[in-house]
All heavy atoms as atom14 arrays in JSON, in Angstrom:
{
  "sequence": "YHAIIKQSFLDFGITFDNYSRTSAPIHHETASEFFKTMYEHGDFIEE",
  "atom14_mask": [
    [1, 1, 1, 1, 1, 1, 1, 1, 1, 1, 1, 1, 0, 0],
    [1, 1, 1, 1, 1, 1, 1, 1, 1, 1, 0, 0, 0, 0],
    [1, 1, 1, 1, 1, 0, 0, 0, 0, 0, 0, 0, 0, 0],
    [1, 1, 1, 1, 1, 1, 1, 1, 0, 0, 0, 0, 0, 0],
    [1, 1, 1, 1, 1, 1, 1, 1, 0, 0, 0, 0, 0, 0],
    [1, 1, 1, 1, 1, 1, 1, 1, 1, 0, 0, 0, 0, 0],
    [1, 1, 1, 1, 1, 1, 1, 1, 1, 0, 0, 0, 0, 0],
    [1, 1, 1, 1, 1, 1, 0, 0, 0, 0, 0, 0, 0, 0],
    [1, 1, 1, 1, 1, 1, 1, 1, 1, 1, 1, 0, 0, 0],
    [1, 1, 1, 1, 1, 1, 1, 1, 0, 0, 0, 0, 0, 0],
    [1, 1, 1, 1, 1, 1, 1, 1, 0, 0, 0, 0, 0, 0],
    [1, 1, 1, 1, 1, 1, 1, 1, 1, 1, 1, 0, 0, 0],
    [1, 1, 1, 1, 0, 0, 0, 0, 0, 0, 0, 0, 0, 0],
    [1, 1, 1, 1, 1, 1, 1, 1, 0, 0, 0, 0, 0, 0],
    [1, 1, 1, 1, 1, 1, 1, 0, 0, 0, 0, 0, 0, 0],
    [1, 1, 1, 1, 1, 1, 1, 1, 1, 1, 1, 0, 0, 0],
    [1, 1, 1, 1, 1, 1, 1, 1, 0, 0, 0, 0, 0, 0],
    [1, 1, 1, 1, 1, 1, 1, 1, 0, 0, 0, 0, 0, 0],
    [1, 1, 1, 1, 1, 1, 1, 1, 1, 1, 1, 1, 0, 0],
    [1, 1, 1, 1, 1, 1, 0, 0, 0, 0, 0, 0, 0, 0],
    [1, 1, 1, 1, 1, 1, 1, 1, 1, 1, 1, 0, 0, 0],
    [1, 1, 1, 1, 1, 1, 1, 0, 0, 0, 0, 0, 0, 0],
    [1, 1, 1, 1, 1, 1, 0, 0, 0, 0, 0, 0, 0, 0],
    [1, 1, 1, 1, 1, 0, 0, 0, 0, 0, 0, 0, 0, 0],
    [1, 1, 1, 1, 1, 1, 1, 0, 0, 0, 0, 0, 0, 0],
    [1, 1, 1, 1, 1, 1, 1, 1, 0, 0, 0, 0, 0, 0],
    [1, 1, 1, 1, 1, 1, 1, 1, 1, 1, 0, 0, 0, 0],
    [1, 1, 1, 1, 1, 1, 1, 1, 1, 1, 0, 0, 0, 0],
    [1, 1, 1, 1, 1, 1, 1, 1, 1, 0, 0, 0, 0, 0],
    [1, 1, 1, 1, 1, 1, 1, 0, 0, 0, 0, 0, 0, 0],
    [1, 1, 1, 1, 1, 0, 0, 0, 0, 0, 0, 0, 0, 0],
    [1, 1, 1, 1, 1, 1, 0, 0, 0, 0, 0, 0, 0, 0],
    [1, 1, 1, 1, 1, 1, 1, 1, 1, 0, 0, 0, 0, 0],
    [1, 1, 1, 1, 1, 1, 1, 1, 1, 1, 1, 0, 0, 0],
    [1, 1, 1, 1, 1, 1, 1, 1, 1, 1, 1, 0, 0, 0],
    [1, 1, 1, 1, 1, 1, 1, 1, 1, 0, 0, 0, 0, 0],
    [1, 1, 1, 1, 1, 1, 1, 0, 0, 0, 0, 0, 0, 0],
    [1, 1, 1, 1, 1, 1, 1, 1, 0, 0, 0, 0, 0, 0],
    [1, 1, 1, 1, 1, 1, 1, 1, 1, 1, 1, 1, 0, 0],
    [1, 1, 1, 1, 1, 1, 1, 1, 1, 0, 0, 0, 0, 0],
    [1, 1, 1, 1, 1, 1, 1, 1, 1, 1, 0, 0, 0, 0],
    [1, 1, 1, 1, 0, 0, 0, 0, 0, 0, 0, 0, 0, 0],
    [1, 1, 1, 1, 1, 1, 1, 1, 0, 0, 0, 0, 0, 0],
    [1, 1, 1, 1, 1, 1, 1, 1, 1, 1, 1, 0, 0, 0],
    [1, 1, 1, 1, 1, 1, 1, 1, 0, 0, 0, 0, 0, 0],
    [1, 1, 1, 1, 1, 1, 1, 1, 1, 0, 0, 0, 0, 0],
    [1, 1, 1, 1, 1, 1, 1, 1, 1, 0, 0, 0, 0, 0]
  ],
  "atom14_positions": [
    [[36.69, 11.53, -89.09], [36.3, 11.3, -90.51], [34.82, 11.31, -90.73], [34.4, 11.66, -91.81], [36.9, 9.98, -91.04], [38.45, 10.16, -91.2], [39.41, 9.43, -90.37], [38.92, 10.98, -92.15], [40.69, 9.61, -90.52], [40.35, 11.15, -92.31], [41.18, 10.49, -91.49], [42.55, 10.64, -91.69], [0.0, 0.0, 0.0], [0.0, 0.0, 0.0]],
    [[34.05, 10.95, -89.72], [32.6, 11.11, -89.82], [32.23, 12.62, -90.16], [31.46, 12.79, -91.07], [31.88, 10.7, -88.52], [30.43, 10.91, -88.56], [29.47, 10.24, -89.27], [29.64, 11.91, -87.9], [28.25, 10.81, -89.12], [28.33, 11.79, -88.23], [0.0, 0.0, 0.0], [0.0, 0.0, 0.0], [0.0, 0.0, 0.0], [0.0, 0.0, 0.0]],
    [[32.82, 13.47, -89.48], [32.56, 14.96, -89.81], [33.05, 15.29, -91.16], [32.31, 16.05, -91.81], [33.21, 15.79, -88.7], [0.0, 0.0, 0.0], [0.0, 0.0, 0.0], [0.0, 0.0, 0.0], [0.0, 0.0, 0.0], [0.0, 0.0, 0.0], [0.0, 0.0, 0.0], [0.0, 0.0, 0.0], [0.0, 0.0, 0.0], [0.0, 0.0, 0.0]],
    [[34.16, 14.86, -91.56], [34.71, 15.25, -92.88], [33.83, 14.62, -94.05], [33.45, 15.36, -95.01], [36.13, 14.74, -93.13], [37.11, 15.54, -92.2], [36.57, 14.79, -94.51], [38.56, 14.92, -92.1], [0.0, 0.0, 0.0], [0.0, 0.0, 0.0], [0.0, 0.0, 0.0], [0.0, 0.0, 0.0], [0.0, 0.0, 0.0], [0.0, 0.0, 0.0]],
    [[33.43, 13.31, -93.95], [32.52, 12.68, -94.92], [31.24, 13.33, -94.94], [30.69, 13.66, -96.12], [32.46, 11.16, -94.59], [33.84, 10.52, -94.72], [31.45, 10.53, -95.44], [33.91, 9.12, -94.14], [0.0, 0.0, 0.0], [0.0, 0.0, 0.0], [0.0, 0.0, 0.0], [0.0, 0.0, 0.0], [0.0, 0.0, 0.0], [0.0, 0.0, 0.0]],
    [[30.61, 13.62, -93.82], [29.29, 14.14, -93.78], [29.3, 15.56, -94.45], [28.3, 15.87, -95.29], [28.78, 14.31, -92.36], [27.38, 14.6, -92.25], [26.85, 14.56, -90.74], [25.35, 14.9, -90.69], [24.95, 14.84, -89.28], [0.0, 0.0, 0.0], [0.0, 0.0, 0.0], [0.0, 0.0, 0.0], [0.0, 0.0, 0.0], [0.0, 0.0, 0.0]],
    [[30.3, 16.35, -94.24], [30.48, 17.62, -94.86], [30.66, 17.61, -96.29], [30.07, 18.31, -97.1], [31.54, 18.44, -94.18], [31.6, 19.92, -94.65], [30.36, 20.63, -94.22], [29.9, 20.63, -93.15], [29.82, 21.31, -95.27], [0.0, 0.0, 0.0], [0.0, 0.0, 0.0], [0.0, 0.0, 0.0], [0.0, 0.0, 0.0], [0.0, 0.0, 0.0]],
    [[31.39, 16.55, -96.74], [31.58, 16.3, -98.22], [30.31, 16.02, -98.95], [29.97, 16.57, -100.02], [32.59, 15.26, -98.51], [33.88, 15.66, -98.21], [0.0, 0.0, 0.0], [0.0, 0.0, 0.0], [0.0, 0.0, 0.0], [0.0, 0.0, 0.0], [0.0, 0.0, 0.0], [0.0, 0.0, 0.0], [0.0, 0.0, 0.0], [0.0, 0.0, 0.0]],
    [[29.5, 15.24, -98.28], [28.13, 14.9, -98.87], [27.24, 16.09, -98.92], [26.55, 16.4, -99.95], [27.44, 13.79, -98.17], [28.1, 12.44, -98.34], [28.19, 11.54, -97.2], [28.48, 12.0, -99.53], [28.73, 10.23, -97.46], [29.04, 10.75, -99.76], [29.19, 9.88, -98.7], [0.0, 0.0, 0.0], [0.0, 0.0, 0.0], [0.0, 0.0, 0.0]],
    [[27.26, 16.94, -97.96], [26.6, 18.19, -97.89], [27.07, 19.09, -98.99], [26.25, 19.73, -99.74], [26.6, 18.88, -96.51], [25.8, 18.25, -95.38], [26.18, 18.93, -94.01], [24.33, 18.47, -95.65], [0.0, 0.0, 0.0], [0.0, 0.0, 0.0], [0.0, 0.0, 0.0], [0.0, 0.0, 0.0], [0.0, 0.0, 0.0], [0.0, 0.0, 0.0]],
    [[28.3, 19.25, -99.1], [28.93, 20.17, -100.17], [28.56, 19.82, -101.54], [28.41, 20.67, -102.34], [30.46, 20.11, -99.92], [30.9, 20.83, -98.65], [30.13, 21.72, -98.13], [32.14, 20.63, -98.22], [0.0, 0.0, 0.0], [0.0, 0.0, 0.0], [0.0, 0.0, 0.0], [0.0, 0.0, 0.0], [0.0, 0.0, 0.0], [0.0, 0.0, 0.0]],
    [[28.39, 18.49, -101.78], [28.08, 18.0, -103.13], [26.66, 17.75, -103.37], [26.33, 17.12, -104.4], [28.96, 16.8, -103.47], [30.39, 17.2, -103.95], [31.38, 17.41, -102.98], [30.67, 17.39, -105.28], [32.65, 17.88, -103.34], [31.95, 17.93, -105.67], [32.93, 18.06, -104.71], [0.0, 0.0, 0.0], [0.0, 0.0, 0.0], [0.0, 0.0, 0.0]],
    [[25.83, 18.13, -102.45], [24.38, 18.07, -102.69], [23.81, 16.65, -102.65], [22.76, 16.46, -103.33], [0.0, 0.0, 0.0], [0.0, 0.0, 0.0], [0.0, 0.0, 0.0], [0.0, 0.0, 0.0], [0.0, 0.0, 0.0], [0.0, 0.0, 0.0], [0.0, 0.0, 0.0], [0.0, 0.0, 0.0], [0.0, 0.0, 0.0], [0.0, 0.0, 0.0]],
    [[24.36, 15.75, -101.82], [23.85, 14.41, -101.79], [22.66, 14.42, -100.78], [22.96, 14.72, -99.57], [24.95, 13.4, -101.36], [26.21, 13.44, -102.25], [24.33, 12.0, -101.35], [25.87, 13.17, -103.73], [0.0, 0.0, 0.0], [0.0, 0.0, 0.0], [0.0, 0.0, 0.0], [0.0, 0.0, 0.0], [0.0, 0.0, 0.0], [0.0, 0.0, 0.0]],
    [[21.46, 14.28, -101.22], [20.29, 14.62, -100.42], [19.82, 13.43, -99.61], [18.67, 12.92, -99.71], [19.15, 15.14, -101.29], [18.98, 14.14, -102.32], [19.48, 16.51, -101.89], [0.0, 0.0, 0.0], [0.0, 0.0, 0.0], [0.0, 0.0, 0.0], [0.0, 0.0, 0.0], [0.0, 0.0, 0.0], [0.0, 0.0, 0.0], [0.0, 0.0, 0.0]],
    [[20.66, 12.91, -98.66], [20.16, 11.86, -97.74], [18.98, 12.35, -96.89], [19.12, 13.39, -96.42], [21.37, 11.36, -96.86], [22.52, 10.77, -97.55], [23.72, 11.28, -97.37], [22.39, 9.65, -98.36], [24.88, 10.71, -97.97], [23.47, 9.05, -99.0], [24.71, 9.62, -98.86], [0.0, 0.0, 0.0], [0.0, 0.0, 0.0], [0.0, 0.0, 0.0]],
    [[18.03, 11.55, -96.76], [16.96, 11.84, -95.8], [17.59, 11.61, -94.37], [17.11, 12.3, -93.41], [15.83, 11.01, -96.04], [15.03, 11.37, -97.31], [14.53, 12.5, -97.33], [14.97, 10.54, -98.24], [0.0, 0.0, 0.0], [0.0, 0.0, 0.0], [0.0, 0.0, 0.0], [0.0, 0.0, 0.0], [0.0, 0.0, 0.0], [0.0, 0.0, 0.0]],
    [[18.51, 10.73, -94.32], [19.17, 10.58, -93.01], [20.6, 10.0, -93.22], [20.87, 9.09, -93.94], [18.47, 9.53, -92.05], [18.84, 9.67, -90.64], [18.7, 10.82, -90.02], [19.41, 8.71, -90.02], [0.0, 0.0, 0.0], [0.0, 0.0, 0.0], [0.0, 0.0, 0.0], [0.0, 0.0, 0.0], [0.0, 0.0, 0.0], [0.0, 0.0, 0.0]],
    [[21.57, 10.65, -92.54], [22.94, 10.22, -92.57], [23.35, 9.89, -91.15], [23.52, 10.79, -90.28], [23.82, 11.19, -93.2], [25.22, 10.61, -93.39], [25.53, 9.75, -94.46], [26.29, 10.86, -92.43], [26.8, 9.22, -94.57], [27.49, 10.32, -92.61], [27.75, 9.45, -93.68], [29.08, 8.93, -93.9], [0.0, 0.0, 0.0], [0.0, 0.0, 0.0]],
    [[23.45, 8.58, -90.78], [23.61, 8.15, -89.41], [25.17, 7.71, -89.24], [25.93, 8.0, -89.98], [22.6, 7.06, -89.04], [22.65, 6.71, -87.73], [0.0, 0.0, 0.0], [0.0, 0.0, 0.0], [0.0, 0.0, 0.0], [0.0, 0.0, 0.0], [0.0, 0.0, 0.0], [0.0, 0.0, 0.0], [0.0, 0.0, 0.0], [0.0, 0.0, 0.0]],
    [[25.25, 6.86, -88.21], [26.66, 6.26, -87.92], [26.45, 4.98, -87.05], [25.46, 4.89, -86.32], [27.56, 7.35, -87.25], [26.98, 7.97, -85.99], [27.86, 9.14, -85.55], [29.3, 8.91, -85.39], [30.2, 9.68, -84.84], [29.81, 10.84, -84.4], [31.48, 9.32, -84.71], [0.0, 0.0, 0.0], [0.0, 0.0, 0.0], [0.0, 0.0, 0.0]],
    [[27.21, 4.06, -87.38], [27.09, 2.67, -86.79], [27.56, 2.71, -85.31], [27.38, 1.67, -84.56], [27.78, 1.59, -87.64], [29.12, 1.83, -87.61], [27.15, 1.46, -88.89], [0.0, 0.0, 0.0], [0.0, 0.0, 0.0], [0.0, 0.0, 0.0], [0.0, 0.0, 0.0], [0.0, 0.0, 0.0], [0.0, 0.0, 0.0], [0.0, 0.0, 0.0]],
    [[28.11, 3.82, -84.82], [28.43, 3.84, -83.39], [27.24, 4.36, -82.59], [27.27, 4.47, -81.41], [29.59, 4.82, -83.22], [29.31, 6.13, -83.7], [0.0, 0.0, 0.0], [0.0, 0.0, 0.0], [0.0, 0.0, 0.0], [0.0, 0.0, 0.0], [0.0, 0.0, 0.0], [0.0, 0.0, 0.0], [0.0, 0.0, 0.0], [0.0, 0.0, 0.0]],
    [[26.15, 4.79, -83.29], [24.94, 5.39, -82.6], [24.31, 4.21, -81.76], [24.2, 3.13, -82.16], [23.98, 5.96, -83.6], [0.0, 0.0, 0.0], [0.0, 0.0, 0.0], [0.0, 0.0, 0.0], [0.0, 0.0, 0.0], [0.0, 0.0, 0.0], [0.0, 0.0, 0.0], [0.0, 0.0, 0.0], [0.0, 0.0, 0.0], [0.0, 0.0, 0.0]],
    [[23.82, 4.54, -80.61], [23.03, 3.54, -79.75], [21.99, 2.76, -80.48], [21.84, 1.63, -80.26], [22.48, 4.41, -78.57], [23.39, 5.61, -78.46], [23.76, 5.88, -79.9], [0.0, 0.0, 0.0], [0.0, 0.0, 0.0], [0.0, 0.0, 0.0], [0.0, 0.0, 0.0], [0.0, 0.0, 0.0], [0.0, 0.0, 0.0], [0.0, 0.0, 0.0]],
    [[21.23, 3.54, -81.33], [20.07, 2.84, -82.03], [20.66, 1.75, -82.95], [19.99, 0.74, -83.12], [19.19, 3.87, -82.81], [17.87, 3.24, -83.25], [19.94, 4.5, -84.0], [16.89, 4.23, -83.71], [0.0, 0.0, 0.0], [0.0, 0.0, 0.0], [0.0, 0.0, 0.0], [0.0, 0.0, 0.0], [0.0, 0.0, 0.0], [0.0, 0.0, 0.0]],
    [[21.8, 1.94, -83.5], [22.41, 0.95, -84.41], [22.87, -0.21, -83.55], [22.71, -1.47, -83.94], [23.58, 1.5, -85.25], [24.2, 0.44, -86.03], [23.51, -0.23, -87.13], [25.4, -0.17, -85.96], [24.29, -1.12, -87.59], [25.4, -1.25, -86.91], [0.0, 0.0, 0.0], [0.0, 0.0, 0.0], [0.0, 0.0, 0.0], [0.0, 0.0, 0.0]],
    [[23.53, -0.02, -82.39], [24.04, -1.16, -81.58], [22.83, -1.99, -81.04], [22.83, -3.23, -81.15], [24.75, -0.55, -80.33], [26.18, -0.27, -80.6], [27.18, -0.8, -79.89], [26.76, 0.58, -81.5], [28.35, -0.36, -80.31], [28.13, 0.52, -81.32], [0.0, 0.0, 0.0], [0.0, 0.0, 0.0], [0.0, 0.0, 0.0], [0.0, 0.0, 0.0]],
    [[21.69, -1.28, -80.77], [20.46, -2.0, -80.32], [19.9, -2.91, -81.47], [19.62, -3.97, -81.28], [19.4, -0.95, -79.89], [19.71, -0.25, -78.65], [18.85, 1.0, -78.41], [17.81, 1.13, -79.13], [19.27, 1.83, -77.68], [0.0, 0.0, 0.0], [0.0, 0.0, 0.0], [0.0, 0.0, 0.0], [0.0, 0.0, 0.0], [0.0, 0.0, 0.0]],
    [[19.82, -2.23, -82.66], [19.31, -2.86, -83.84], [20.08, -4.09, -84.25], [19.58, -5.24, -84.44], [19.12, -1.92, -85.02], [18.3, -0.8, -84.66], [18.46, -2.61, -86.27], [0.0, 0.0, 0.0], [0.0, 0.0, 0.0], [0.0, 0.0, 0.0], [0.0, 0.0, 0.0], [0.0, 0.0, 0.0], [0.0, 0.0, 0.0], [0.0, 0.0, 0.0]],
    [[21.47, -3.93, -84.33], [22.31, -5.05, -84.8], [22.29, -6.19, -83.7], [22.35, -7.42, -84.09], [23.71, -4.49, -85.02], [0.0, 0.0, 0.0], [0.0, 0.0, 0.0], [0.0, 0.0, 0.0], [0.0, 0.0, 0.0], [0.0, 0.0, 0.0], [0.0, 0.0, 0.0], [0.0, 0.0, 0.0], [0.0, 0.0, 0.0], [0.0, 0.0, 0.0]],
    [[22.35, -5.8, -82.44], [22.28, -6.78, -81.33], [20.95, -7.6, -81.35], [20.99, -8.85, -81.26], [22.46, -6.09, -80.05], [23.71, -5.48, -79.86], [0.0, 0.0, 0.0], [0.0, 0.0, 0.0], [0.0, 0.0, 0.0], [0.0, 0.0, 0.0], [0.0, 0.0, 0.0], [0.0, 0.0, 0.0], [0.0, 0.0, 0.0], [0.0, 0.0, 0.0]],
    [[19.88, -6.9, -81.7], [18.59, -7.57, -81.75], [18.56, -8.56, -82.84], [18.08, -9.67, -82.7], [17.47, -6.55, -81.9], [16.09, -7.11, -81.97], [15.59, -7.62, -83.34], [15.99, -7.05, -84.34], [14.94, -8.67, -83.32], [0.0, 0.0, 0.0], [0.0, 0.0, 0.0], [0.0, 0.0, 0.0], [0.0, 0.0, 0.0], [0.0, 0.0, 0.0]],
    [[19.17, -8.18, -84.0], [19.22, -9.06, -85.16], [19.93, -10.34, -84.8], [19.46, -11.5, -85.08], [19.92, -8.42, -86.33], [18.95, -8.07, -87.52], [18.26, -6.85, -87.45], [18.88, -8.9, -88.52], [17.4, -6.51, -88.44], [18.05, -8.48, -89.65], [17.29, -7.36, -89.6], [0.0, 0.0, 0.0], [0.0, 0.0, 0.0], [0.0, 0.0, 0.0]],
    [[21.13, -10.15, -84.16], [21.97, -11.36, -83.89], [21.21, -12.27, -82.83], [21.17, -13.45, -83.08], [23.32, -10.88, -83.27], [24.25, -11.99, -83.14], [25.1, -12.3, -84.14], [24.31, -12.83, -81.92], [26.01, -13.39, -84.01], [25.24, -13.83, -81.72], [26.11, -14.13, -82.76], [0.0, 0.0, 0.0], [0.0, 0.0, 0.0], [0.0, 0.0, 0.0]],
    [[20.64, -11.64, -81.77], [19.99, -12.38, -80.76], [18.76, -13.24, -81.32], [18.56, -14.31, -81.04], [19.54, -11.46, -79.55], [20.69, -11.15, -78.63], [20.19, -10.48, -77.39], [19.78, -9.07, -77.61], [19.47, -8.3, -76.44], [0.0, 0.0, 0.0], [0.0, 0.0, 0.0], [0.0, 0.0, 0.0], [0.0, 0.0, 0.0], [0.0, 0.0, 0.0]],
    [[18.01, -12.55, -82.14], [16.8, -13.26, -82.8], [17.33, -14.32, -83.61], [16.71, -15.44, -83.56], [16.03, -12.19, -83.65], [15.56, -11.08, -82.87], [14.87, -12.9, -84.39], [0.0, 0.0, 0.0], [0.0, 0.0, 0.0], [0.0, 0.0, 0.0], [0.0, 0.0, 0.0], [0.0, 0.0, 0.0], [0.0, 0.0, 0.0], [0.0, 0.0, 0.0]],
    [[18.32, -14.18, -84.51], [18.8, -15.25, -85.31], [19.42, -16.39, -84.48], [19.27, -17.52, -84.75], [19.77, -14.71, -86.35], [19.18, -13.84, -87.39], [20.32, -13.1, -88.51], [20.91, -14.5, -89.41], [0.0, 0.0, 0.0], [0.0, 0.0, 0.0], [0.0, 0.0, 0.0], [0.0, 0.0, 0.0], [0.0, 0.0, 0.0], [0.0, 0.0, 0.0]],
    [[20.01, -15.94, -83.33], [20.7, -16.97, -82.46], [19.61, -17.9, -81.85], [19.72, -19.08, -81.78], [21.5, -16.23, -81.4], [22.08, -17.05, -80.27], [23.29, -17.68, -80.47], [21.42, -17.14, -79.12], [23.86, -18.46, -79.49], [21.94, -17.92, -78.02], [23.21, -18.63, -78.29], [23.78, -19.27, -77.27], [0.0, 0.0, 0.0], [0.0, 0.0, 0.0]],
    [[18.49, -17.18, -81.43], [17.38, -17.93, -80.78], [16.69, -18.81, -81.74], [16.16, -19.91, -81.4], [16.44, -16.92, -80.16], [16.93, -16.25, -78.87], [16.29, -15.02, -78.46], [15.35, -14.61, -79.06], [16.8, -14.36, -77.54], [0.0, 0.0, 0.0], [0.0, 0.0, 0.0], [0.0, 0.0, 0.0], [0.0, 0.0, 0.0], [0.0, 0.0, 0.0]],
    [[16.63, -18.39, -83.11], [16.05, -19.23, -84.11], [16.94, -20.38, -84.51], [16.44, -21.32, -85.28], [15.8, -18.35, -85.38], [14.69, -17.43, -85.3], [14.48, -16.45, -86.26], [13.8, -17.14, -84.26], [13.43, -15.74, -85.84], [13.06, -16.15, -84.69], [0.0, 0.0, 0.0], [0.0, 0.0, 0.0], [0.0, 0.0, 0.0], [0.0, 0.0, 0.0]],
    [[18.16, -20.48, -84.03], [19.12, -21.51, -84.41], [19.59, -21.28, -85.89], [20.03, -22.23, -86.54], [0.0, 0.0, 0.0], [0.0, 0.0, 0.0], [0.0, 0.0, 0.0], [0.0, 0.0, 0.0], [0.0, 0.0, 0.0], [0.0, 0.0, 0.0], [0.0, 0.0, 0.0], [0.0, 0.0, 0.0], [0.0, 0.0, 0.0], [0.0, 0.0, 0.0]],
    [[19.75, -20.09, -86.22], [20.18, -19.66, -87.55], [21.72, -19.67, -87.72], [22.18, -19.5, -88.76], [19.63, -18.3, -87.99], [18.22, -18.32, -88.22], [17.66, -19.31, -88.81], [17.42, -17.35, -87.73], [0.0, 0.0, 0.0], [0.0, 0.0, 0.0], [0.0, 0.0, 0.0], [0.0, 0.0, 0.0], [0.0, 0.0, 0.0], [0.0, 0.0, 0.0]],
    [[22.46, -19.81, -86.65], [23.93, -19.85, -86.68], [24.43, -21.19, -86.34], [23.83, -22.04, -85.64], [24.55, -18.79, -85.68], [24.07, -17.37, -85.92], [23.52, -16.55, -84.9], [24.31, -16.77, -87.2], [23.25, -15.27, -85.16], [23.96, -15.48, -87.37], [23.47, -14.78, -86.38], [0.0, 0.0, 0.0], [0.0, 0.0, 0.0], [0.0, 0.0, 0.0]],
    [[25.71, -21.38, -86.73], [26.45, -22.67, -86.37], [27.55, -22.09, -85.43], [28.22, -21.18, -85.84], [27.07, -23.32, -87.6], [26.04, -23.78, -88.58], [27.93, -24.48, -87.14], [26.59, -24.19, -89.89], [0.0, 0.0, 0.0], [0.0, 0.0, 0.0], [0.0, 0.0, 0.0], [0.0, 0.0, 0.0], [0.0, 0.0, 0.0], [0.0, 0.0, 0.0]],
    [[27.66, -22.72, -84.36], [28.79, -22.35, -83.41], [29.96, -23.4, -83.62], [29.81, -24.59, -83.52], [28.33, -22.43, -81.99], [29.3, -21.83, -80.98], [28.72, -21.84, -79.5], [27.52, -21.45, -79.37], [29.4, -22.33, -78.71], [0.0, 0.0, 0.0], [0.0, 0.0, 0.0], [0.0, 0.0, 0.0], [0.0, 0.0, 0.0], [0.0, 0.0, 0.0]],
    [[31.12, -22.83, -84.0], [32.25, -23.71, -84.31], [33.53, -23.18, -83.66], [33.77, -21.98, -83.62], [32.45, -23.85, -85.8], [31.49, -24.73, -86.52], [31.86, -24.96, -87.94], [32.9, -24.64, -88.36], [30.91, -25.48, -88.65], [0.0, 0.0, 0.0], [0.0, 0.0, 0.0], [0.0, 0.0, 0.0], [0.0, 0.0, 0.0], [0.0, 0.0, 0.0]]
  ]
}
């Protein structure tokens, strides 16, 4: 579906400067860093 969706956006002229995917390593790194930083700040409640 990533391939189908990306092609539909191209077909309809949606001019993203970047169309990524959340399975990409850079996203896993970024989301993990966010969680770890907030965890270390004490921004979460563990229940």
